[in-house]
C-alpha atoms as a PDB file:
ATOM      1  CA  MET A   1     -11.597  -5.012 -15.790  1.00  0.00           C
ATOM      2  CA  GLY A   2     -12.587  -3.165 -18.964  1.00  0.00           C
ATOM      3  CA  ALA A   3     -13.746   0.406 -19.362  1.00  0.00           C
ATOM      4  CA  LYS A   4     -17.348  -0.671 -20.040  1.00  0.00           C
ATOM      5  CA  SER A   5     -17.643  -2.565 -16.755  1.00  0.00           C
ATOM      6  CA  GLN A   6     -16.124   0.392 -14.910  1.00  0.00           C
ATOM      7  CA  GLN A   7     -18.668   2.757 -16.469  1.00  0.00           C
ATOM      8  CA  SER A   8     -21.621   0.481 -15.746  1.00  0.00           C
ATOM      9  CA  LYS A   9     -20.812   0.446 -12.022  1.00  0.00           C
ATOM     10  CA  VAL A  10     -20.836   4.236 -11.841  1.00  0.00           C
ATOM     11  CA  LYS A  11     -23.647   4.866 -14.307  1.00  0.00           C
ATOM     12  CA  GLY A  12     -26.810   5.839 -12.521  1.00  0.00           C
ATOM     13  CA  LYS A  13     -25.066   6.593  -9.217  1.00  0.00           C
ATOM     14  CA  THR A  14     -25.009  10.044  -7.752  1.00  0.00           C
ATOM     15  CA  ILE A  15     -21.812  11.716  -6.594  1.00  0.00           C
ATOM     16  CA  LYS A  16     -23.226  11.516  -3.087  1.00  0.00           C
ATOM     17  CA  SER A  17     -23.735   7.738  -3.255  1.00  0.00           C
ATOM     18  CA  ILE A  18     -20.262   7.208  -4.765  1.00  0.00           C
ATOM     19  CA  ARG A  19     -18.773   9.313  -1.978  1.00  0.00           C
ATOM     20  CA  ARG A  20     -20.688   7.258   0.593  1.00  0.00           C
ATOM     21  CA  ASP A  21     -19.367   4.043  -1.009  1.00  0.00           C
ATOM     22  CA  TYR A  22     -15.793   5.331  -0.742  1.00  0.00           C
ATOM     23  CA  GLU A  23     -16.249   6.415   2.860  1.00  0.00           C
ATOM     24  CA  GLN A  24     -17.578   2.973   3.748  1.00  0.00           C
ATOM     25  CA  ALA A  25     -14.714   1.279   1.862  1.00  0.00           C
ATOM     26  CA  ILE A  26     -12.152   3.434   3.677  1.00  0.00           C
ATOM     27  CA  LYS A  27     -13.694   2.530   7.018  1.00  0.00           C
ATOM     28  CA  HIS A  28     -13.670  -1.209   6.278  1.00  0.00           C
ATOM     29  CA  THR A  29     -10.177  -1.296   4.734  1.00  0.00           C
ATOM     30  CA  ASP A  30      -8.285   1.126   6.975  1.00  0.00           C
ATOM     31  CA  GLY A  31      -7.717   3.340   3.938  1.00  0.00           C
ATOM     32  CA  ARG A  32      -5.475   0.913   2.038  1.00  0.00           C
ATOM     33  CA  LEU A  33      -5.773   1.678  -1.686  1.00  0.00           C
ATOM     34  CA  THR A  34      -5.629  -1.896  -2.990  1.00  0.00           C
ATOM     35  CA  SER A  35      -8.214  -2.991  -0.445  1.00  0.00           C
ATOM     36  CA  ILE A  36     -10.473  -0.039  -1.280  1.00  0.00           C
ATOM     37  CA  ALA A  37     -10.409  -1.039  -4.952  1.00  0.00           C
ATOM     38  CA  LYS A  38     -11.195  -4.673  -4.108  1.00  0.00           C
ATOM     39  CA  TYR A  39     -13.954  -3.647  -1.705  1.00  0.00           C
ATOM     40  CA  LEU A  40     -15.587  -1.467  -4.375  1.00  0.00           C
ATOM     41  CA  ASP A  41     -14.837  -4.030  -7.099  1.00  0.00           C
ATOM     42  CA  ILE A  42     -13.078  -1.450  -9.267  1.00  0.00           C
ATOM     43  CA  HIS A  43      -9.615  -1.098 -10.759  1.00  0.00           C
ATOM     44  CA  ILE A  44      -6.959   0.304  -8.432  1.00  0.00           C
ATOM     45  CA  GLN A  45      -6.330   3.186 -10.871  1.00  0.00           C
ATOM     46  CA  SER A  46      -9.987   4.236 -10.599  1.00  0.00           C
ATOM     47  CA  ALA A  47      -9.739   4.310  -6.807  1.00  0.00           C
ATOM     48  CA  TRP A  48      -6.481   6.273  -6.981  1.00  0.00           C
ATOM     49  CA  THR A  49      -7.997   8.789  -9.429  1.00  0.00           C
ATOM     50  CA  TYR A  50     -11.050   9.324  -7.229  1.00  0.00           C
ATOM     51  CA  LEU A  51      -8.979   9.825  -4.086  1.00  0.00           C
ATOM     52  CA  ASN A  52      -6.786  12.365  -5.862  1.00  0.00           C
ATOM     53  CA  LYS A  53      -9.822  14.156  -7.254  1.00  0.00           C
ATOM     54  CA  TYR A  54     -11.411  14.536  -3.803  1.00  0.00           C
ATOM     55  CA  PRO A  55      -8.750  15.564  -1.257  1.00  0.00           C
ATOM     56  CA  GLU A  56     -11.147  15.368   1.707  1.00  0.00           C
ATOM     57  CA  ILE A  57     -11.834  11.682   0.982  1.00  0.00           C
ATOM     58  CA  ASN A  58      -8.125  11.082   0.438  1.00  0.00           C
ATOM     59  CA  GLN A  59      -7.472  12.688   3.814  1.00  0.00           C
ATOM     60  CA  GLN A  60      -9.914  10.258   5.444  1.00  0.00           C
ATOM     61  CA  ALA A  61      -7.993   7.349   3.913  1.00  0.00           C
ATOM     62  CA  LYS A  62      -4.689   8.789   5.163  1.00  0.00           C
ATOM     63  CA  MET A  63      -6.113   9.210   8.655  1.00  0.00           C
ATOM     64  CA  ARG A  64      -7.333   5.588   8.731  1.00  0.00           C
ATOM     65  CA  ARG A  65      -3.905   4.340   7.592  1.00  0.00           C
ATOM     66  CA  GLN A  66      -2.266   6.457  10.299  1.00  0.00           C
ATOM     67  CA  ILE A  67      -4.563   4.962  12.944  1.00  0.00           C
ATOM     68  CA  LEU A  68      -3.633   1.469  11.719  1.00  0.00           C
ATOM     69  CA  LEU A  69       0.061   2.355  11.862  1.00  0.00           C
ATOM     70  CA  GLU A  70      -0.320   3.658  15.420  1.00  0.00           C
ATOM     71  CA  LYS A  71      -2.042   0.406  16.442  1.00  0.00           C
ATOM     72  CA  ALA A  72       0.868  -1.530  14.947  1.00  0.00           C
ATOM     73  CA  GLU A  73       3.305   0.610  16.921  1.00  0.00           C
ATOM     74  CA  GLN A  74       1.345  -0.130  20.113  1.00  0.00           C
ATOM     75  CA  ASN A  75       1.534  -3.846  19.325  1.00  0.00           C
ATOM     76  CA  ILE A  76       5.303  -3.580  19.010  1.00  0.00           C
ATOM     77  CA  GLU A  77       5.422  -1.984  22.455  1.00  0.00           C
ATOM     78  CA  ALA A  78       3.288  -4.813  23.863  1.00  0.00           C
ATOM     79  CA  TYR A  79       5.572  -7.373  22.214  1.00  0.00           C
ATOM     80  CA  VAL A  80       8.642  -5.823  23.790  1.00  0.00           C
ATOM     81  CA  ASN A  81       6.998  -6.139  27.198  1.00  0.00           C
ATOM     82  CA  SER A  82       5.673  -9.671  26.582  1.00  0.00           C
ATOM     83  CA  PRO A  83       7.706 -11.658  24.034  1.00  0.00           C
ATOM     84  CA  ASP A  84       5.362 -14.692  24.171  1.00  0.00           C
ATOM     85  CA  ASN A  85       3.025 -13.429  21.469  1.00  0.00           C
ATOM     86  CA  ASP A  86       4.822 -14.258  18.204  1.00  0.00           C
ATOM     87  CA  TYR A  87       1.723 -14.102  15.948  1.00  0.00           C
ATOM     88  CA  HIS A  88       0.889 -10.469  16.775  1.00  0.00           C
ATOM     89  CA  TYR A  89       4.525  -9.532  16.382  1.00  0.00           C
ATOM     90  CA  LYS A  90       4.636 -10.931  12.833  1.00  0.00           C
ATOM     91  CA  ALA A  91       1.383  -9.224  11.841  1.00  0.00           C
ATOM     92  CA  THR A  92       2.576  -5.955  13.319  1.00  0.00           C
ATOM     93  CA  GLU A  93       5.926  -6.308  11.563  1.00  0.00           C
ATOM     94  CA  PHE A  94       4.094  -6.734   8.252  1.00  0.00           C
ATOM     95  CA  ILE A  95       2.028  -3.568   8.775  1.00  0.00           C
ATOM     96  CA  LEU A  96       5.095  -1.559   9.725  1.00  0.00           C
ATOM     97  CA  LYS A  97       7.042  -2.783   6.698  1.00  0.00           C
ATOM     98  CA  THR A  98       4.220  -2.026   4.271  1.00  0.00           C
ATOM     99  CA  LEU A  99       2.360   1.014   5.586  1.00  0.00           C
ATOM    100  CA  GLY A 100       5.196   2.452   7.643  1.00  0.00           C
ATOM    101  CA  ARG A 101       7.886   1.617   5.121  1.00  0.00           C
ATOM    102  CA  THR A 102       9.390   5.097   5.065  1.00  0.00           C
ATOM    103  CA  VAL A 103      10.207   4.820   8.752  1.00  0.00           C
ATOM    104  CA  TYR A 104      10.431   1.120   9.531  1.00  0.00           C
ATOM    105  CA  SER A 105      11.600  -0.627   6.374  1.00  0.00           C
ATOM    106  CA  GLU A 106      14.614  -2.834   6.425  1.00  0.00           C
ATOM    107  CA  LYS A 107      17.627  -1.471   4.651  1.00  0.00           C
ATOM    108  CA  ILE A 108      18.995  -3.868   2.078  1.00  0.00           C
ATOM    109  CA  THR A 109      22.487  -3.179   0.864  1.00  0.00           C
ATOM    110  CA  GLN A 110      24.841  -4.974  -1.421  1.00  0.00           C
ATOM    111  CA  ASP A 111      28.503  -4.211  -1.717  1.00  0.00           C
ATOM    112  CA  ILE A 112      30.014  -4.505  -5.152  1.00  0.00           C
ATOM    113  CA  ASN A 113      33.755  -4.640  -5.492  1.00  0.00           C
ATOM    114  CA  VAL A 114      34.584  -3.265  -8.928  1.00  0.00           C
ATOM    115  CA  ASN A 115      38.125  -4.596  -8.631  1.00  0.00           C
ATOM    116  CA  LYS A 116      36.772  -8.162  -8.666  1.00  0.00           C
ATOM    117  CA  LEU A 117      34.616  -7.834 -11.784  1.00  0.00           C
ATOM    118  CA  PRO A 118      35.629 -10.168 -14.614  1.00  0.00           C
ATOM    119  CA  ASP A 119      37.716  -8.734 -17.414  1.00  0.00           C
ATOM    120  CA  LEU A 120      35.683  -8.075 -20.517  1.00  0.00           C
ATOM    121  CA  LYS A 121      37.370  -8.623 -23.835  1.00  0.00           C
ATOM    122  CA  ILE A 122      35.719  -7.284 -26.935  1.00  0.00           C
ATOM    123  CA  ASN A 123      36.871  -8.440 -30.348  1.00  0.00           C
ATOM    124  CA  PHE A 124      36.309  -5.901 -33.130  1.00  0.00           C
ATOM    125  CA  ASP A 125      37.848  -8.026 -35.893  1.00  0.00           C
ATOM    126  CA  LYS A 126      35.615  -8.868 -38.847  1.00  0.00           C
ATOM    127  CA  GLU A 127      35.458 -12.475 -39.888  1.00  0.00           C
END
């Protein structure tokens, strides 16, 4: 989306109405940045800039994401007690891996044995 289309969406709006739009977007998207941008039909960078400019709005988004993460944690608890519900488990797993990635992400490791690397031969002779 170009700069002109970004400006035309904001032009004529008051700070109060823009704030109200963001608050509504946060409520409907659980504070997820990409979803906020899609909801407001703006570029993700514009949403990020606005949230960083207004810490109180950013805090609302963080609180909504935290509520979503807590719901996902409750779903995991329910799954442990009743393993018949595979769909909710997969959805919850997705939320935990994306929003809760600092705590719940899977650790991917790869061992590299430097003793088994192929020998590299470099020829410096001119032809």
